[in-house]
């Protein structure tokens, strides 16, 4: 018997967050995940090899033009944009900050809303 476990953030996906994922995947980003954290906030994670060695500001600048194609309400609800190179998701001292941000994405802390 096979048993699969759904990660908690995956249960928070909505049609709106699937649209976010689709728009960014169509823009050729390697991996995109999005979920609604609470009534006022969407979290988006983009993982792409092109981000390797690049500062956060440049990564965000690569993603933001595609987010601007989303409905205005959806854009306004995106409160967290996490951009990672695949290597940053490995638990190493040089990527500790990125590792912790990814942990918060994967296992969201309770929302006060």
PDB file of N, CA and C in Angstrom:
ATOM      1  N   UNK A   1       0.834  -1.159   0.000  1.00  0.00           N
ATOM      2  CA  UNK A   1       0.000   0.000   0.000  1.00  0.00           C
ATOM      3  C   UNK A   1       0.891   1.238   0.000  1.00  0.00           C
ATOM      4  N   UNK A   2       0.574   2.176  -0.884  1.00  0.00           N
ATOM      5  CA  UNK A   2       1.323   3.415  -0.984  1.00  0.00           C
ATOM      6  C   UNK A   2       0.555   4.512  -0.276  1.00  0.00           C
ATOM      7  N   UNK A   3       1.286   5.262   0.504  1.00  0.00           N
ATOM      8  CA  UNK A   3       0.664   6.361   1.212  1.00  0.00           C
ATOM      9  C   UNK A   3       1.411   7.640   0.844  1.00  0.00           C
ATOM     10  N   UNK A   4       0.683   8.635   0.354  1.00  0.00           N
ATOM     11  CA  UNK A   4       1.311   9.893   0.017  1.00  0.00           C
ATOM     12  C   UNK A   4       0.893  10.944   1.036  1.00  0.00           C
ATOM     13  N   UNK A   5       1.824  11.813   1.312  1.00  0.00           N
ATOM     14  CA  UNK A   5       1.562  12.880   2.261  1.00  0.00           C
ATOM     15  C   UNK A   5       1.567  14.200   1.513  1.00  0.00           C
ATOM     16  N   UNK A   6       0.500  14.948   1.659  1.00  0.00           N
ATOM     17  CA  UNK A   6       0.428  16.264   1.048  1.00  0.00           C
ATOM     18  C   UNK A   6       1.028  17.278   2.004  1.00  0.00           C
ATOM     19  N   UNK A   7       1.946  18.066   1.493  1.00  0.00           N
ATOM     20  CA  UNK A   7       2.537  19.112   2.316  1.00  0.00           C
ATOM     21  C   UNK A   7       1.474  20.157   2.617  1.00  0.00           C
ATOM     22  N   UNK A   8       1.554  20.764   3.794  1.00  0.00           N
ATOM     23  CA  UNK A   8       0.491  21.660   4.240  1.00  0.00           C
ATOM     24  C   UNK A   8       0.254  22.820   3.286  1.00  0.00           C
ATOM     25  N   UNK A   9       1.287  23.353   2.669  1.00  0.00           N
ATOM     26  CA  UNK A   9       1.081  24.478   1.771  1.00  0.00           C
ATOM     27  C   UNK A   9       0.314  24.059   0.517  1.00  0.00           C
ATOM     28  N   UNK A  10       0.448  22.816   0.102  1.00  0.00           N
ATOM     29  CA  UNK A  10      -0.244  22.366  -1.108  1.00  0.00           C
ATOM     30  C   UNK A  10      -1.767  22.373  -0.931  1.00  0.00           C
ATOM     31  N   UNK A  11      -2.221  22.202   0.292  1.00  0.00           N
ATOM     32  CA  UNK A  11      -3.666  22.231   0.545  1.00  0.00           C
ATOM     33  C   UNK A  11      -4.211  23.649   0.487  1.00  0.00           C
ATOM     34  N   UNK A  12      -3.340  24.636   0.423  1.00  0.00           N
ATOM     35  CA  UNK A  12      -3.747  26.042   0.407  1.00  0.00           C
ATOM     36  C   UNK A  12      -3.761  26.624  -1.009  1.00  0.00           C
ATOM     37  N   UNK A  13      -3.556  25.785  -2.005  1.00  0.00           N
ATOM     38  CA  UNK A  13      -3.616  26.250  -3.391  1.00  0.00           C
ATOM     39  C   UNK A  13      -5.060  26.581  -3.760  1.00  0.00           C
ATOM     40  N   UNK A  14      -5.200  27.578  -4.610  1.00  0.00           N
ATOM     41  CA  UNK A  14      -6.515  27.989  -5.091  1.00  0.00           C
ATOM     42  C   UNK A  14      -6.441  28.163  -6.603  1.00  0.00           C
ATOM     43  N   UNK A  15      -7.568  28.408  -7.232  1.00  0.00           N
ATOM     44  CA  UNK A  15      -7.547  28.692  -8.670  1.00  0.00           C
ATOM     45  C   UNK A  15      -6.668  29.907  -8.958  1.00  0.00           C
ATOM     46  N   UNK A  16      -6.736  30.878  -8.075  1.00  0.00           N
ATOM     47  CA  UNK A  16      -5.948  32.098  -8.233  1.00  0.00           C
ATOM     48  C   UNK A  16      -4.451  31.796  -8.150  1.00  0.00           C
ATOM     49  N   UNK A  17      -4.028  30.979  -7.197  1.00  0.00           N
ATOM     50  CA  UNK A  17      -2.598  30.681  -7.070  1.00  0.00           C
ATOM     51  C   UNK A  17      -2.128  29.753  -8.192  1.00  0.00           C
ATOM     52  N   UNK A  18      -3.022  28.932  -8.693  1.00  0.00           N
ATOM     53  CA  UNK A  18      -2.663  28.094  -9.853  1.00  0.00           C
ATOM     54  C   UNK A  18      -2.429  28.974 -11.085  1.00  0.00           C
ATOM     55  N   UNK A  19      -3.184  30.068 -11.186  1.00  0.00           N
ATOM     56  CA  UNK A  19      -2.964  31.024 -12.273  1.00  0.00           C
ATOM     57  C   UNK A  19      -1.574  31.649 -12.145  1.00  0.00           C
ATOM     58  N   UNK A  20      -1.188  32.032 -10.950  1.00  0.00           N
ATOM     59  CA  UNK A  20       0.152  32.582 -10.712  1.00  0.00           C
ATOM     60  C   UNK A  20       1.206  31.572 -11.178  1.00  0.00           C
ATOM     61  N   UNK A  21       1.043  30.322 -10.773  1.00  0.00           N
ATOM     62  CA  UNK A  21       1.994  29.271 -11.166  1.00  0.00           C
ATOM     63  C   UNK A  21       2.049  29.124 -12.684  1.00  0.00           C
ATOM     64  N   UNK A  22       0.893  29.109 -13.318  1.00  0.00           N
ATOM     65  CA  UNK A  22       0.836  28.918 -14.770  1.00  0.00           C
ATOM     66  C   UNK A  22       1.531  30.065 -15.514  1.00  0.00           C
ATOM     67  N   UNK A  23       1.265  31.312 -15.093  1.00  0.00           N
ATOM     68  CA  UNK A  23       1.875  32.464 -15.756  1.00  0.00           C
ATOM     69  C   UNK A  23       3.398  32.397 -15.660  1.00  0.00           C
ATOM     70  N   UNK A  24       3.912  32.056 -14.495  1.00  0.00           N
ATOM     71  CA  UNK A  24       5.370  32.008 -14.326  1.00  0.00           C
ATOM     72  C   UNK A  24       5.992  30.782 -14.988  1.00  0.00           C
ATOM     73  N   UNK A  25       5.294  29.669 -14.997  1.00  0.00           N
ATOM     74  CA  UNK A  25       5.814  28.493 -15.707  1.00  0.00           C
ATOM     75  C   UNK A  25       5.841  28.752 -17.208  1.00  0.00           C
ATOM     76  N   UNK A  26       4.815  29.443 -17.712  1.00  0.00           N
ATOM     77  CA  UNK A  26       4.797  29.794 -19.132  1.00  0.00           C
ATOM     78  C   UNK A  26       5.940  30.743 -19.490  1.00  0.00           C
ATOM     79  N   UNK A  27       6.455  31.452 -18.497  1.00  0.00           N
ATOM     80  CA  UNK A  27       7.589  32.350 -18.700  1.00  0.00           C
ATOM     81  C   UNK A  27       8.926  31.607 -18.596  1.00  0.00           C
ATOM     82  N   UNK A  28       8.865  30.293 -18.499  1.00  0.00           N
ATOM     83  CA  UNK A  28      10.038  29.406 -18.535  1.00  0.00           C
ATOM     84  C   UNK A  28      10.845  29.360 -17.241  1.00  0.00           C
ATOM     85  N   UNK A  29      10.231  29.695 -16.108  1.00  0.00           N
ATOM     86  CA  UNK A  29      10.917  29.463 -14.842  1.00  0.00           C
ATOM     87  C   UNK A  29      10.810  27.973 -14.525  1.00  0.00           C
ATOM     88  N   UNK A  30      11.890  27.401 -13.991  1.00  0.00           N
ATOM     89  CA  UNK A  30      11.984  25.956 -13.800  1.00  0.00           C
ATOM     90  C   UNK A  30      10.900  25.398 -12.886  1.00  0.00           C
ATOM     91  N   UNK A  31      10.745  25.986 -11.724  1.00  0.00           N
ATOM     92  CA  UNK A  31       9.749  25.489 -10.771  1.00  0.00           C
ATOM     93  C   UNK A  31       9.060  26.681 -10.119  1.00  0.00           C
ATOM     94  N   UNK A  32       7.746  26.610 -10.037  1.00  0.00           N
ATOM     95  CA  UNK A  32       6.964  27.675  -9.436  1.00  0.00           C
ATOM     96  C   UNK A  32       5.911  27.051  -8.536  1.00  0.00           C
ATOM     97  N   UNK A  33       5.808  27.551  -7.307  1.00  0.00           N
ATOM     98  CA  UNK A  33       4.787  27.116  -6.360  1.00  0.00           C
ATOM     99  C   UNK A  33       4.138  28.365  -5.781  1.00  0.00           C
ATOM    100  N   UNK A  34       2.838  28.300  -5.565  1.00  0.00           N
ATOM    101  CA  UNK A  34       2.136  29.434  -4.962  1.00  0.00           C
ATOM    102  C   UNK A  34       0.972  28.909  -4.140  1.00  0.00           C
ATOM    103  N   UNK A  35       0.671  29.613  -3.062  1.00  0.00           N
ATOM    104  CA  UNK A  35      -0.492  29.277  -2.251  1.00  0.00           C
ATOM    105  C   UNK A  35      -0.993  30.517  -1.524  1.00  0.00           C
ATOM    106  N   UNK A  36      -2.243  30.462  -1.108  1.00  0.00           N
ATOM    107  CA  UNK A  36      -2.836  31.551  -0.344  1.00  0.00           C
ATOM    108  C   UNK A  36      -2.554  31.283   1.124  1.00  0.00           C
ATOM    109  N   UNK A  37      -1.741  32.158   1.717  1.00  0.00           N
ATOM    110  CA  UNK A  37      -1.354  32.020   3.121  1.00  0.00           C
ATOM    111  C   UNK A  37      -2.526  32.382   4.033  1.00  0.00           C
ATOM    112  N   UNK A  38      -3.225  33.449   3.695  1.00  0.00           N
ATOM    113  CA  UNK A  38      -4.424  33.852   4.435  1.00  0.00           C
ATOM    114  C   UNK A  38      -5.283  34.695   3.498  1.00  0.00           C
ATOM    115  N   UNK A  39      -6.338  35.278   4.004  1.00  0.00           N
ATOM    116  CA  UNK A  39      -7.273  36.019   3.158  1.00  0.00           C
ATOM    117  C   UNK A  39      -6.627  37.212   2.447  1.00  0.00           C
ATOM    118  N   UNK A  40      -5.519  37.689   2.958  1.00  0.00           N
ATOM    119  CA  UNK A  40      -4.900  38.880   2.389  1.00  0.00           C
ATOM    120  C   UNK A  40      -3.519  38.647   1.795  1.00  0.00           C
ATOM    121  N   UNK A  41      -3.076  37.395   1.701  1.00  0.00           N
ATOM    122  CA  UNK A  41      -1.685  37.169   1.341  1.00  0.00           C
ATOM    123  C   UNK A  41      -1.488  35.895   0.516  1.00  0.00           C
ATOM    124  N   UNK A  42      -0.738  36.054  -0.565  1.00  0.00           N
ATOM    125  CA  UNK A  42      -0.313  34.933  -1.399  1.00  0.00           C
ATOM    126  C   UNK A  42       1.207  34.846  -1.308  1.00  0.00           C
ATOM    127  N   UNK A  43       1.718  33.632  -1.189  1.00  0.00           N
ATOM    128  CA  UNK A  43       3.164  33.389  -1.209  1.00  0.00           C
ATOM    129  C   UNK A  43       3.525  32.703  -2.523  1.00  0.00           C
ATOM    130  N   UNK A  44       4.630  33.149  -3.113  1.00  0.00           N
ATOM    131  CA  UNK A  44       5.096  32.606  -4.386  1.00  0.00           C
ATOM    132  C   UNK A  44       6.565  32.223  -4.230  1.00  0.00           C
ATOM    133  N   UNK A  45       6.891  31.019  -4.698  1.00  0.00           N
ATOM    134  CA  UNK A  45       8.286  30.555  -4.687  1.00  0.00           C
ATOM    135  C   UNK A  45       8.671  30.201  -6.125  1.00  0.00           C
ATOM    136  N   UNK A  46       9.797  30.773  -6.561  1.00  0.00           N
ATOM    137  CA  UNK A  46      10.318  30.500  -7.901  1.00  0.00           C
ATOM    138  C   UNK A  46      11.724  29.950  -7.723  1.00  0.00           C
ATOM    139  N   UNK A  47      11.959  28.783  -8.293  1.00  0.00           N
ATOM    140  CA  UNK A  47      13.274  28.136  -8.225  1.00  0.00           C
ATOM    141  C   UNK A  47      13.788  28.014  -9.646  1.00  0.00           C
ATOM    142  N   UNK A  48      14.962  28.584  -9.878  1.00  0.00           N
ATOM    143  CA  UNK A  48      15.494  28.573 -11.241  1.00  0.00           C
ATOM    144  C   UNK A  48      17.020  28.627 -11.194  1.00  0.00           C
ATOM    145  N   UNK A  49      17.634  27.834 -12.010  1.00  0.00           N
ATOM    146  CA  UNK A  49      19.093  27.766 -12.086  1.00  0.00           C
ATOM    147  C   UNK A  49      19.703  29.112 -12.468  1.00  0.00           C
ATOM    148  N   UNK A  50      18.966  29.913 -13.226  1.00  0.00           N
ATOM    149  CA  UNK A  50      19.496  31.220 -13.657  1.00  0.00           C
ATOM    150  C   UNK A  50      19.729  32.178 -12.489  1.00  0.00           C
ATOM    151  N   UNK A  51      19.146  31.895 -11.329  1.00  0.00           N
ATOM    152  CA  UNK A  51      19.303  32.761 -10.162  1.00  0.00           C
ATOM    153  C   UNK A  51      20.637  32.548  -9.442  1.00  0.00           C
ATOM    154  N   UNK A  52      21.362  31.523  -9.829  1.00  0.00           N
ATOM    155  CA  UNK A  52      22.622  31.187  -9.158  1.00  0.00           C
ATOM    156  C   UNK A  52      23.561  32.393  -9.136  1.00  0.00           C
ATOM    157  N   UNK A  53      24.000  32.783  -7.931  1.00  0.00           N
ATOM    158  CA  UNK A  53      24.945  33.875  -7.764  1.00  0.00           C
ATOM    159  C   UNK A  53      24.377  35.262  -7.991  1.00  0.00           C
ATOM    160  N   UNK A  54      23.091  35.365  -8.196  1.00  0.00           N
ATOM    161  CA  UNK A  54      22.456  36.633  -8.512  1.00  0.00           C
ATOM    162  C   UNK A  54      21.834  37.239  -7.253  1.00  0.00           C
ATOM    163  N   UNK A  55      21.941  38.551  -7.047  1.00  0.00           N
ATOM    164  CA  UNK A  55      21.301  39.160  -5.887  1.00  0.00           C
ATOM    165  C   UNK A  55      19.774  39.117  -5.993  1.00  0.00           C
ATOM    166  N   UNK A  56      19.124  39.158  -4.856  1.00  0.00           N
ATOM    167  CA  UNK A  56      17.659  39.060  -4.794  1.00  0.00           C
ATOM    168  C   UNK A  56      16.982  40.103  -5.672  1.00  0.00           C
ATOM    169  N   UNK A  57      17.491  41.307  -5.683  1.00  0.00           N
ATOM    170  CA  UNK A  57      16.863  42.379  -6.460  1.00  0.00           C
ATOM    171  C   UNK A  57      16.811  42.041  -7.953  1.00  0.00           C
ATOM    172  N   UNK A  58      17.872  41.465  -8.469  1.00  0.00           N
ATOM    173  CA  UNK A  58      17.899  41.090  -9.893  1.00  0.00           C
ATOM    174  C   UNK A  58      16.958  39.926 -10.166  1.00  0.00           C
ATOM    175  N   UNK A  59      16.886  38.991  -9.233  1.00  0.00           N
ATOM    176  CA  UNK A  59      15.966  37.859  -9.394  1.00  0.00           C
ATOM    177  C   UNK A  59      14.527  38.362  -9.458  1.00  0.00           C
ATOM    178  N   UNK A  60      14.195  39.212  -8.479  1.00  0.00           N
ATOM    179  CA  UNK A  60      12.842  39.768  -8.441  1.00  0.00           C
ATOM    180  C   UNK A  60      12.529  40.527  -9.724  1.00  0.00           C
ATOM    181  N   UNK A  61      13.518  41.262 -10.237  1.00  0.00           N
ATOM    182  CA  UNK A  61      13.330  42.015 -11.472  1.00  0.00           C
ATOM    183  C   UNK A  61      13.061  41.101 -12.666  1.00  0.00           C
ATOM    184  N   UNK A  62      13.565  39.885 -12.621  1.00  0.00           N
ATOM    185  CA  UNK A  62      13.285  38.921 -13.691  1.00  0.00           C
ATOM    186  C   UNK A  62      11.856  38.399 -13.612  1.00  0.00           C
ATOM    187  N   UNK A  63      11.328  38.274 -12.404  1.00  0.00           N
ATOM    188  CA  UNK A  63      10.008  37.675 -12.190  1.00  0.00           C
ATOM    189  C   UNK A  63       8.881  38.709 -12.289  1.00  0.00           C
ATOM    190  N   UNK A  64       9.113  39.903 -11.780  1.00  0.00           N
ATOM    191  CA  UNK A  64       8.054  40.896 -11.643  1.00  0.00           C
ATOM    192  C   UNK A  64       7.326  41.265 -12.935  1.00  0.00           C
ATOM    193  N   UNK A  65       7.989  41.360 -14.083  1.00  0.00           N
ATOM    194  CA  UNK A  65       7.228  41.690 -15.302  1.00  0.00           C
ATOM    195  C   UNK A  65       6.117  40.673 -15.612  1.00  0.00           C
ATOM    196  N   UNK A  66       6.335  39.436 -15.235  1.00  0.00           N
ATOM    197  CA  UNK A  66       5.322  38.407 -15.472  1.00  0.00           C
ATOM    198  C   UNK A  66       4.202  38.490 -14.445  1.00  0.00           C
ATOM    199  N   UNK A  67       4.544  38.869 -13.213  1.00  0.00           N
ATOM    200  CA  UNK A  67       3.515  39.048 -12.193  1.00  0.00           C
ATOM    201  C   UNK A  67       2.586  40.197 -12.564  1.00  0.00           C
ATOM    202  N   UNK A  68       3.111  41.181 -13.287  1.00  0.00           N
ATOM    203  CA  UNK A  68       2.298  42.322 -13.708  1.00  0.00           C
ATOM    204  C   UNK A  68       1.216  41.933 -14.710  1.00  0.00           C
ATOM    205  N   UNK A  69       1.306  40.746 -15.269  1.00  0.00           N
ATOM    206  CA  UNK A  69       0.282  40.255 -16.203  1.00  0.00           C
ATOM    207  C   UNK A  69      -0.930  39.679 -15.481  1.00  0.00           C
ATOM    208  N   UNK A  70      -0.804  39.500 -14.175  1.00  0.00           N
ATOM    209  CA  UNK A  70      -1.889  38.935 -13.369  1.00  0.00           C
ATOM    210  C   UNK A  70      -2.939  39.999 -13.069  1.00  0.00           C
ATOM    211  N   UNK A  71      -4.149  39.582 -12.698  1.00  0.00           N
ATOM    212  CA  UNK A  71      -5.150  40.563 -12.284  1.00  0.00           C
ATOM    213  C   UNK A  71      -4.613  41.431 -11.139  1.00  0.00           C
ATOM    214  N   UNK A  72      -5.028  42.685 -11.123  1.00  0.00           N
ATOM    215  CA  UNK A  72      -4.529  43.637 -10.130  1.00  0.00           C
ATOM    216  C   UNK A  72      -4.745  43.157  -8.699  1.00  0.00           C
ATOM    217  N   UNK A  73      -5.883  42.564  -8.422  1.00  0.00           N
ATOM    218  CA  UNK A  73      -6.171  42.074  -7.067  1.00  0.00           C
ATOM    219  C   UNK A  73      -5.178  40.982  -6.663  1.00  0.00           C
ATOM    220  N   UNK A  74      -4.872  40.096  -7.590  1.00  0.00           N
ATOM    221  CA  UNK A  74      -3.905  39.028  -7.315  1.00  0.00           C
ATOM    222  C   UNK A  74      -2.525  39.618  -7.061  1.00  0.00           C
ATOM    223  N   UNK A  75      -2.119  40.566  -7.899  1.00  0.00           N
ATOM    224  CA  UNK A  75      -0.819  41.224  -7.701  1.00  0.00           C
ATOM    225  C   UNK A  75      -0.732  41.838  -6.306  1.00  0.00           C
ATOM    226  N   UNK A  76      -1.813  42.483  -5.896  1.00  0.00           N
ATOM    227  CA  UNK A  76      -1.831  43.144  -4.605  1.00  0.00           C
ATOM    228  C   UNK A  76      -1.760  42.193  -3.430  1.00  0.00           C
ATOM    229  N   UNK A  77      -2.187  40.963  -3.634  1.00  0.00           N
ATOM    230  CA  UNK A  77      -2.165  39.972  -2.557  1.00  0.00           C
ATOM    231  C   UNK A  77      -0.836  39.217  -2.452  1.00  0.00           C
ATOM    232  N   UNK A  78       0.043  39.355  -3.435  1.00  0.00           N
ATOM    233  CA  UNK A  78       1.339  38.677  -3.371  1.00  0.00           C
ATOM    234  C   UNK A  78       2.226  39.446  -2.398  1.00  0.00           C
ATOM    235  N   UNK A  79       2.341  38.902  -1.204  1.00  0.00           N
ATOM    236  CA  UNK A  79       3.115  39.548  -0.138  1.00  0.00           C
ATOM    237  C   UNK A  79       4.524  38.983  -0.022  1.00  0.00           C
ATOM    238  N   UNK A  80       4.715  37.750  -0.458  1.00  0.00           N
ATOM    239  CA  UNK A  80       6.030  37.124  -0.364  1.00  0.00           C
ATOM    240  C   UNK A  80       6.396  36.522  -1.707  1.00  0.00           C
ATOM    241  N   UNK A  81       7.527  36.964  -2.246  1.00  0.00           N
ATOM    242  CA  UNK A  81       8.095  36.383  -3.452  1.00  0.00           C
ATOM    243  C   UNK A  81       9.455  35.836  -3.054  1.00  0.00           C
ATOM    244  N   UNK A  82       9.570  34.513  -3.075  1.00  0.00           N
ATOM    245  CA  UNK A  82      10.817  33.840  -2.731  1.00  0.00           C
ATOM    246  C   UNK A  82      11.458  33.364  -4.030  1.00  0.00           C
ATOM    247  N   UNK A  83      12.679  33.791  -4.282  1.00  0.00           N
ATOM    248  CA  UNK A  83      13.390  33.364  -5.488  1.00  0.00           C
ATOM    249  C   UNK A  83      14.668  32.654  -5.060  1.00  0.00           C
ATOM    250  N   UNK A  84      14.812  31.421  -5.508  1.00  0.00           N
ATOM    251  CA  UNK A  84      15.944  30.591  -5.103  1.00  0.00           C
ATOM    252  C   UNK A  84      16.631  29.971  -6.301  1.00  0.00           C
ATOM    253  N   UNK A  85      17.950  29.837  -6.183  1.00  0.00           N
ATOM    254  CA  UNK A  85      18.688  28.939  -7.064  1.00  0.00           C
ATOM    255  C   UNK A  85      18.558  27.554  -6.432  1.00  0.00           C
ATOM    256  N   UNK A  86      18.531  26.490  -7.215  1.00  0.00           N
ATOM    257  CA  UNK A  86      18.379  25.149  -6.636  1.00  0.00           C
ATOM    258  C   UNK A  86      19.400  24.841  -5.544  1.00  0.00           C
ATOM    259  N   UNK A  87      20.623  25.305  -5.698  1.00  0.00           N
ATOM    260  CA  UNK A  87      21.670  25.007  -4.711  1.00  0.00           C
ATOM    261  C   UNK A  87      21.377  25.638  -3.351  1.00  0.00           C
ATOM    262  N   UNK A  88      20.597  26.699  -3.309  1.00  0.00           N
ATOM    263  CA  UNK A  88      20.318  27.392  -2.057  1.00  0.00           C
ATOM    264  C   UNK A  88      19.331  26.649  -1.170  1.00  0.00           C
ATOM    265  N   UNK A  89      18.685  25.649  -1.713  1.00  0.00           N
ATOM    266  CA  UNK A  89      17.710  24.903  -0.933  1.00  0.00           C
ATOM    267  C   UNK A  89      18.333  23.724  -0.206  1.00  0.00           C
ATOM    268  N   UNK A  90      19.624  23.553  -0.373  1.00  0.00           N
ATOM    269  CA  UNK A  90      20.337  22.532   0.371  1.00  0.00           C
ATOM    270  C   UNK A  90      20.795  23.141   1.680  1.00  0.00           C
ATOM    271  N   UNK A  91      20.762  22.379   2.727  1.00  0.00           N
ATOM    272  CA  UNK A  91      21.122  22.909   4.050  1.00  0.00           C
ATOM    273  C   UNK A  91      22.634  23.023   4.168  1.00  0.00           C
ATOM    274  N   UNK A  92      23.127  24.220   3.891  1.00  0.00           N
ATOM    275  CA  UNK A  92      24.550  24.503   4.024  1.00  0.00           C
ATOM    276  C   UNK A  92      24.707  25.844   4.722  1.00  0.00           C
ATOM    277  N   UNK A  93      25.838  26.069   5.384  1.00  0.00           N
ATOM    278  CA  UNK A  93      26.039  27.349   6.067  1.00  0.00           C
ATOM    279  C   UNK A  93      25.934  28.551   5.136  1.00  0.00           C
ATOM    280  N   UNK A  94      26.337  28.406   3.879  1.00  0.00           N
ATOM    281  CA  UNK A  94      26.299  29.550   2.966  1.00  0.00           C
ATOM    282  C   UNK A  94      24.887  29.869   2.497  1.00  0.00           C
ATOM    283  N   UNK A  95      23.960  28.962   2.691  1.00  0.00           N
ATOM    284  CA  UNK A  95      22.596  29.196   2.228  1.00  0.00           C
ATOM    285  C   UNK A  95      21.606  29.108   3.388  1.00  0.00           C
ATOM    286  N   UNK A  96      22.061  29.381   4.600  1.00  0.00           N
ATOM    287  CA  UNK A  96      21.207  29.227   5.778  1.00  0.00           C
ATOM    288  C   UNK A  96      19.958  30.109   5.710  1.00  0.00           C
ATOM    289  N   UNK A  97      20.105  31.364   5.309  1.00  0.00           N
ATOM    290  CA  UNK A  97      18.963  32.270   5.216  1.00  0.00           C
ATOM    291  C   UNK A  97      17.938  31.720   4.229  1.00  0.00           C
ATOM    292  N   UNK A  98      18.406  31.317   3.056  1.00  0.00           N
ATOM    293  CA  UNK A  98      17.515  30.789   2.033  1.00  0.00           C
ATOM    294  C   UNK A  98      16.838  29.513   2.509  1.00  0.00           C
ATOM    295  N   UNK A  99      17.586  28.683   3.212  1.00  0.00           N
ATOM    296  CA  UNK A  99      17.010  27.450   3.739  1.00  0.00           C
ATOM    297  C   UNK A  99      15.849  27.763   4.680  1.00  0.00           C
ATOM    298  N   UNK A 100      16.051  28.721   5.589  1.00  0.00           N
ATOM    299  CA  UNK A 100      14.997  29.078   6.543  1.00  0.00           C
ATOM    300  C   UNK A 100      13.781  29.695   5.849  1.00  0.00           C
ATOM    301  N   UNK A 101      14.002  30.523   4.837  1.00  0.00           N
ATOM    302  CA  UNK A 101      12.873  31.087   4.077  1.00  0.00           C
ATOM    303  C   UNK A 101      12.082  29.972   3.399  1.00  0.00           C
ATOM    304  N   UNK A 102      12.792  29.000   2.858  1.00  0.00           N
ATOM    305  CA  UNK A 102      12.111  27.890   2.196  1.00  0.00           C
ATOM    306  C   UNK A 102      11.340  27.042   3.200  1.00  0.00           C
ATOM    307  N   UNK A 103      11.880  26.845   4.388  1.00  0.00           N
ATOM    308  CA  UNK A 103      11.174  26.100   5.428  1.00  0.00           C
ATOM    309  C   UNK A 103       9.860  26.812   5.765  1.00  0.00           C
ATOM    310  N   UNK A 104       9.886  28.134   5.873  1.00  0.00           N
ATOM    311  CA  UNK A 104       8.657  28.888   6.162  1.00  0.00           C
ATOM    312  C   UNK A 104       7.652  28.733   5.028  1.00  0.00           C
ATOM    313  N   UNK A 105       8.135  28.667   3.788  1.00  0.00           N
ATOM    314  CA  UNK A 105       7.226  28.438   2.660  1.00  0.00           C
ATOM    315  C   UNK A 105       6.606  27.047   2.759  1.00  0.00           C
ATOM    316  N   UNK A 106       7.435  26.054   3.007  1.00  0.00           N
ATOM    317  CA  UNK A 106       6.995  24.670   3.044  1.00  0.00           C
ATOM    318  C   UNK A 106       6.053  24.376   4.228  1.00  0.00           C
ATOM    319  N   UNK A 107       6.375  24.933   5.375  1.00  0.00           N
ATOM    320  CA  UNK A 107       5.594  24.700   6.598  1.00  0.00           C
ATOM    321  C   UNK A 107       5.193  26.047   7.181  1.00  0.00           C
ATOM    322  N   UNK A 108       4.158  26.662   6.619  1.00  0.00           N
ATOM    323  CA  UNK A 108       3.798  28.022   7.034  1.00  0.00           C
ATOM    324  C   UNK A 108       3.432  28.095   8.517  1.00  0.00           C
ATOM    325  N   UNK A 109       3.960  29.126   9.164  1.00  0.00           N
ATOM    326  CA  UNK A 109       3.567  29.374  10.541  1.00  0.00           C
ATOM    327  C   UNK A 109       2.113  29.824  10.555  1.00  0.00           C
ATOM    328  N   UNK A 110       1.404  29.641  11.651  1.00  0.00           N
ATOM    329  CA  UNK A 110      -0.013  30.011  11.700  1.00  0.00           C
ATOM    330  C   UNK A 110      -0.202  31.504  11.406  1.00  0.00           C
ATOM    331  N   UNK A 111      -1.253  31.795  10.670  1.00  0.00           N
ATOM    332  CA  UNK A 111      -1.592  33.174  10.340  1.00  0.00           C
ATOM    333  C   UNK A 111      -2.485  33.746  11.433  1.00  0.00           C
ATOM    334  N   UNK A 112      -2.341  35.040  11.700  1.00  0.00           N
ATOM    335  CA  UNK A 112      -3.210  35.664  12.705  1.00  0.00           C
ATOM    336  C   UNK A 112      -4.535  36.122  12.094  1.00  0.00           C
ATOM    337  N   UNK A 113      -4.669  36.021  10.776  1.00  0.00           N
ATOM    338  CA  UNK A 113      -5.925  36.388  10.107  1.00  0.00           C
ATOM    339  C   UNK A 113      -6.861  35.216  10.029  1.00  0.00           C
TER     340      UNK A 113
END
